Amino acid sequence: MPPILRSTLDEISLELTLTLPRSKRDTFDMIYQDDEFIYFIPVRENVVHFIARAPRGGLSDGSLFKFDPFKKIPDIIEHHNIWYEKILNNHPLFVQTPFLRSVAQKKYHEDLVLTFFTAEKGELAVSFDTYDNFPKKIEFPIDTIALELPRYREQLKFLKETIPMDAVPKILADNVMIDTMGSTLSLTDWLVFSLLDGKKTVKQLTERSGIGTRETLSVLLRLKEAGFIEV
């Protein structure tokens, strides 16, 4: 069955698709792409259990209007899983702390869902001929997403204004001598702090932290306010 809807976000917003379970059916697949990435997001009985994002190179043959993107779902999932598992396996805290690993996966995938639904430009395709061979990472009801989106937009706007994405955070050497082991830094704080090398931009840190953009920016703000870093 071919996609039943194809649109640019100039014509229909991703946020409007939150009404699809009520106006159509409660189970459908969406594929969205912008200039950089192609996304797969399945909705099952008004709940999002998974989202995959992969670079477009080799996966997207131009516009979603010119080919059937739903044939690419297995490849999108595979690329997403390989990339994300590499992040988790390359950080000692994720390897040594299974609990942090599971928390990070939930934070990352929920953040990616909210990023997806707040996109403003790109192309969207929707199909009711669903694909079910995907791992369940989260349980994010459509109603909760709809309620969360305004707060997410507001928080992300504030965080990006306070912690610019192109900035390079630097550890304040004098303050590092403080006994940080006795501080109130959480595991996620340590996770981001350990990635700081005076070279990575904030954007690169959000891509490598494994906990999502909003959580990474929130950690950087806490570290800045605690006097551990300057941005």
Protein backbone atom coordinates (compact mmCIF):
# COMPACT_ATOMS: atom_id res chain seq x y z
CA MET A 1 0.00 0.00 0.00
CA PRO A 2 1.53 3.36 -0.97
CA PRO A 3 1.82 6.28 1.45
CA ILE A 4 -1.57 7.90 1.88
CA LEU A 5 -0.20 11.36 2.55
CA ARG A 6 2.80 13.31 1.30
CA SER A 7 3.34 16.92 2.20
CA THR A 8 5.88 19.61 2.88
CA LEU A 9 5.80 21.20 6.32
CA ASP A 10 4.80 24.45 4.63
CA GLU A 11 1.47 22.74 3.93
CA ILE A 12 0.96 20.62 7.04
CA SER A 13 2.86 20.84 10.32
CA LEU A 14 4.17 17.78 12.11
CA GLU A 15 2.30 18.93 15.19
CA LEU A 16 -0.94 18.63 13.20
CA THR A 17 -0.22 14.92 12.71
CA LEU A 18 -0.87 14.52 16.44
CA THR A 19 -4.56 14.66 15.48
CA LEU A 20 -4.29 11.74 13.04
CA PRO A 21 -5.14 9.05 15.62
CA ARG A 22 -8.45 10.79 16.19
CA SER A 23 -9.32 11.71 12.62
CA LYS A 24 -8.00 8.56 10.88
CA ARG A 25 -6.71 5.50 12.71
CA ASP A 26 -4.61 5.01 15.82
CA THR A 27 -1.81 3.11 14.05
CA PHE A 28 0.32 4.61 11.30
CA ASP A 29 3.92 5.26 10.23
CA MET A 30 5.56 8.57 9.44
CA ILE A 31 8.75 9.31 7.57
CA TYR A 32 10.11 12.83 7.62
CA GLN A 33 13.24 14.35 6.17
CA ASP A 34 15.00 17.68 6.36
CA ASP A 35 18.26 18.74 4.72
CA GLU A 36 20.39 16.49 6.96
CA PHE A 37 18.38 13.56 8.30
CA ILE A 38 15.60 11.13 7.50
CA TYR A 39 13.35 9.99 10.37
CA PHE A 40 11.05 7.01 10.92
CA ILE A 41 8.43 7.27 13.64
CA PRO A 42 5.73 4.63 14.21
CA VAL A 43 2.55 5.45 16.16
CA ARG A 44 0.80 2.45 17.71
CA GLU A 45 -2.53 2.84 19.52
CA ASN A 46 -1.82 6.53 20.21
CA VAL A 47 1.64 5.77 21.64
CA VAL A 48 5.14 6.31 20.25
CA HIS A 49 7.47 3.47 21.23
CA PHE A 50 10.41 4.28 18.99
CA ILE A 51 11.96 6.82 16.68
CA ALA A 52 14.92 6.42 14.33
CA ARG A 53 17.04 9.11 12.73
CA ALA A 54 19.78 8.58 10.17
CA PRO A 55 21.83 10.79 7.83
CA ARG A 56 20.16 11.07 4.44
CA GLY A 57 23.23 10.05 2.45
CA GLY A 58 22.58 6.72 0.78
CA LEU A 59 19.07 6.44 2.24
CA SER A 60 17.06 9.21 0.62
CA ASP A 61 16.78 9.43 -3.16
CA GLY A 62 15.84 13.09 -3.24
CA SER A 63 12.30 14.24 -2.50
CA LEU A 64 9.85 11.96 -0.66
CA PHE A 65 7.48 12.78 -3.51
CA LYS A 66 9.68 10.89 -5.99
CA PHE A 67 10.10 7.49 -4.30
CA ASP A 68 8.53 5.26 -1.65
CA PRO A 69 10.45 6.10 1.53
CA PHE A 70 8.76 3.33 3.52
CA LYS A 71 10.92 0.79 1.72
CA LYS A 72 13.87 2.41 3.52
CA ILE A 73 12.57 1.79 7.06
CA PRO A 74 14.86 -1.20 7.85
CA ASP A 75 17.89 0.79 6.69
CA ILE A 76 16.92 3.86 8.71
CA ILE A 77 16.52 1.74 11.85
CA GLU A 78 19.81 -0.08 11.25
CA HIS A 79 21.77 3.15 10.76
CA HIS A 80 20.13 4.71 13.82
CA ASN A 81 20.87 1.73 16.07
CA ILE A 82 24.49 1.39 14.91
CA TRP A 83 25.16 5.10 15.46
CA TYR A 84 23.48 5.29 18.87
CA GLU A 85 24.99 2.04 20.19
CA LYS A 86 28.41 3.34 19.18
CA ILE A 87 27.87 6.39 21.39
CA LEU A 88 26.78 4.23 24.32
CA ASN A 89 29.61 1.73 23.91
CA ASN A 90 32.31 4.40 23.60
CA HIS A 91 31.59 6.08 26.95
CA PRO A 92 32.85 4.35 30.12
CA LEU A 93 29.91 5.58 32.21
CA PHE A 94 27.44 3.88 29.89
CA VAL A 95 29.49 0.68 29.89
CA GLN A 96 29.96 0.63 33.67
CA THR A 97 26.48 1.83 34.65
CA PRO A 98 23.60 -0.12 33.04
CA PHE A 99 21.06 2.06 34.84
CA LEU A 100 22.50 5.23 33.29
CA ARG A 101 22.46 3.51 29.91
CA SER A 102 18.73 2.76 30.19
CA VAL A 103 17.95 6.27 31.47
CA ALA A 104 19.95 7.80 28.62
CA GLN A 105 18.11 5.75 25.99
CA LYS A 106 14.76 6.94 27.30
CA LYS A 107 15.88 10.58 27.48
CA TYR A 108 17.46 10.45 24.03
CA HIS A 109 14.51 8.90 22.21
CA GLU A 110 11.93 11.11 23.94
CA ASP A 111 13.99 14.19 23.10
CA LEU A 112 14.24 13.04 19.49
CA VAL A 113 10.45 12.63 19.34
CA LEU A 114 9.97 16.19 20.57
CA THR A 115 12.61 17.43 18.14
CA PHE A 116 10.73 15.63 15.38
CA PHE A 117 7.34 17.16 16.22
CA THR A 118 8.75 20.69 16.47
CA ALA A 119 10.40 20.60 13.03
CA GLU A 120 9.35 23.50 10.80
CA LYS A 121 10.83 22.64 7.40
CA GLY A 122 11.11 19.43 5.42
CA GLU A 123 8.94 16.74 3.85
CA LEU A 124 6.54 14.26 5.43
CA ALA A 125 4.99 10.98 4.29
CA VAL A 126 2.37 9.02 6.25
CA SER A 127 1.22 5.43 5.70
CA PHE A 128 -1.31 3.16 7.40
CA ASP A 129 0.46 0.12 5.97
CA THR A 130 2.61 -0.24 9.06
CA TYR A 131 6.04 -1.71 9.78
CA ASP A 132 6.34 -3.52 13.11
CA ASN A 133 9.89 -4.88 13.27
CA PHE A 134 11.33 -2.14 15.46
CA PRO A 135 12.73 -2.12 19.03
CA LYS A 136 10.53 -0.55 21.70
CA LYS A 137 12.62 2.03 23.56
CA ILE A 138 10.01 4.35 25.08
CA GLU A 139 6.32 4.69 25.86
CA PHE A 140 5.36 8.22 24.90
CA PRO A 141 1.58 8.78 24.52
CA ILE A 142 0.44 11.17 21.81
CA ASP A 143 -1.54 13.20 24.37
CA THR A 144 1.58 13.64 26.51
CA ILE A 145 3.61 14.73 23.49
CA ALA A 146 0.99 17.34 22.58
CA LEU A 147 1.05 18.74 26.12
CA GLU A 148 4.86 18.69 26.32
CA LEU A 149 5.60 20.45 23.02
CA PRO A 150 4.94 24.08 24.10
CA ARG A 151 7.15 23.68 27.19
CA TYR A 152 9.83 21.93 25.14
CA ARG A 153 9.91 24.79 22.62
CA GLU A 154 10.15 27.38 25.39
CA GLN A 155 12.88 25.53 27.29
CA LEU A 156 14.92 24.83 24.18
CA LYS A 157 14.71 28.46 23.06
CA PHE A 158 15.94 29.65 26.48
CA LEU A 159 18.71 27.05 26.66
CA LYS A 160 20.00 27.79 23.16
CA GLU A 161 20.05 31.51 23.93
CA THR A 162 21.95 30.86 27.16
CA ILE A 163 24.23 28.10 25.85
CA PRO A 164 24.82 28.84 22.13
CA MET A 165 25.15 25.75 19.96
CA ASP A 166 28.34 27.04 18.29
CA ALA A 167 30.04 27.87 21.59
CA VAL A 168 32.98 25.81 22.90
CA PRO A 169 32.62 25.17 26.67
CA LYS A 170 35.87 25.31 28.61
CA ILE A 171 36.63 23.87 32.04
CA LEU A 172 37.64 26.51 34.57
CA ALA A 173 40.98 25.11 35.72
CA ASP A 174 41.00 26.85 39.10
CA ASN A 175 37.60 25.44 39.99
CA VAL A 176 38.42 21.92 38.83
CA MET A 177 40.74 21.69 41.83
CA ILE A 178 37.63 21.74 43.99
CA ASP A 179 36.71 18.28 45.26
CA THR A 180 34.10 17.62 42.59
CA MET A 181 33.69 14.07 43.85
CA GLY A 182 31.99 15.54 46.87
CA SER A 183 29.79 17.81 44.82
CA THR A 184 26.15 17.40 43.91
CA LEU A 185 26.91 16.53 40.28
CA SER A 186 24.60 13.80 39.00
CA LEU A 187 25.59 10.91 36.76
CA THR A 188 24.33 12.79 33.71
CA ASP A 189 26.33 15.85 34.80
CA TRP A 190 29.47 13.69 34.95
CA LEU A 191 28.56 12.17 31.62
CA VAL A 192 28.65 15.54 29.86
CA PHE A 193 31.49 16.95 31.98
CA SER A 194 33.76 14.07 30.95
CA LEU A 195 33.25 14.95 27.26
CA LEU A 196 34.60 18.47 27.68
CA ASP A 197 37.98 18.98 26.02
CA GLY A 198 37.97 22.66 25.09
CA LYS A 199 37.47 21.72 21.41
CA LYS A 200 33.98 20.28 21.03
CA THR A 201 31.19 22.74 20.33
CA VAL A 202 27.91 22.58 22.22
CA LYS A 203 26.29 21.07 19.12
CA GLN A 204 28.92 18.30 19.03
CA LEU A 205 28.37 17.63 22.72
CA THR A 206 24.62 17.26 22.20
CA GLU A 207 25.32 14.75 19.42
CA ARG A 208 27.77 12.68 21.48
CA SER A 209 26.25 12.76 24.96
CA GLY A 210 23.59 10.16 24.16
CA ILE A 211 20.99 11.92 26.33
CA GLY A 212 19.43 14.34 23.85
CA THR A 213 19.72 18.05 23.12
CA ARG A 214 17.58 19.49 25.91
CA GLU A 215 19.16 17.36 28.64
CA THR A 216 22.70 18.11 27.43
CA LEU A 217 22.04 21.85 27.34
CA SER A 218 20.46 21.67 30.81
CA VAL A 219 23.58 19.93 32.15
CA LEU A 220 25.87 22.52 30.57
CA LEU A 221 23.79 25.28 32.16
CA ARG A 222 24.10 23.62 35.58
CA LEU A 223 27.87 23.23 35.15
CA LYS A 224 28.14 26.86 34.13
CA GLU A 225 26.08 28.07 37.08
CA ALA A 226 28.13 25.87 39.43
CA GLY A 227 31.29 27.55 38.19
CA PHE A 228 32.86 24.46 36.65
CA ILE A 229 32.82 25.72 33.05
CA GLU A 230 32.55 28.87 31.00
CA VAL A 231 30.63 29.03 27.73
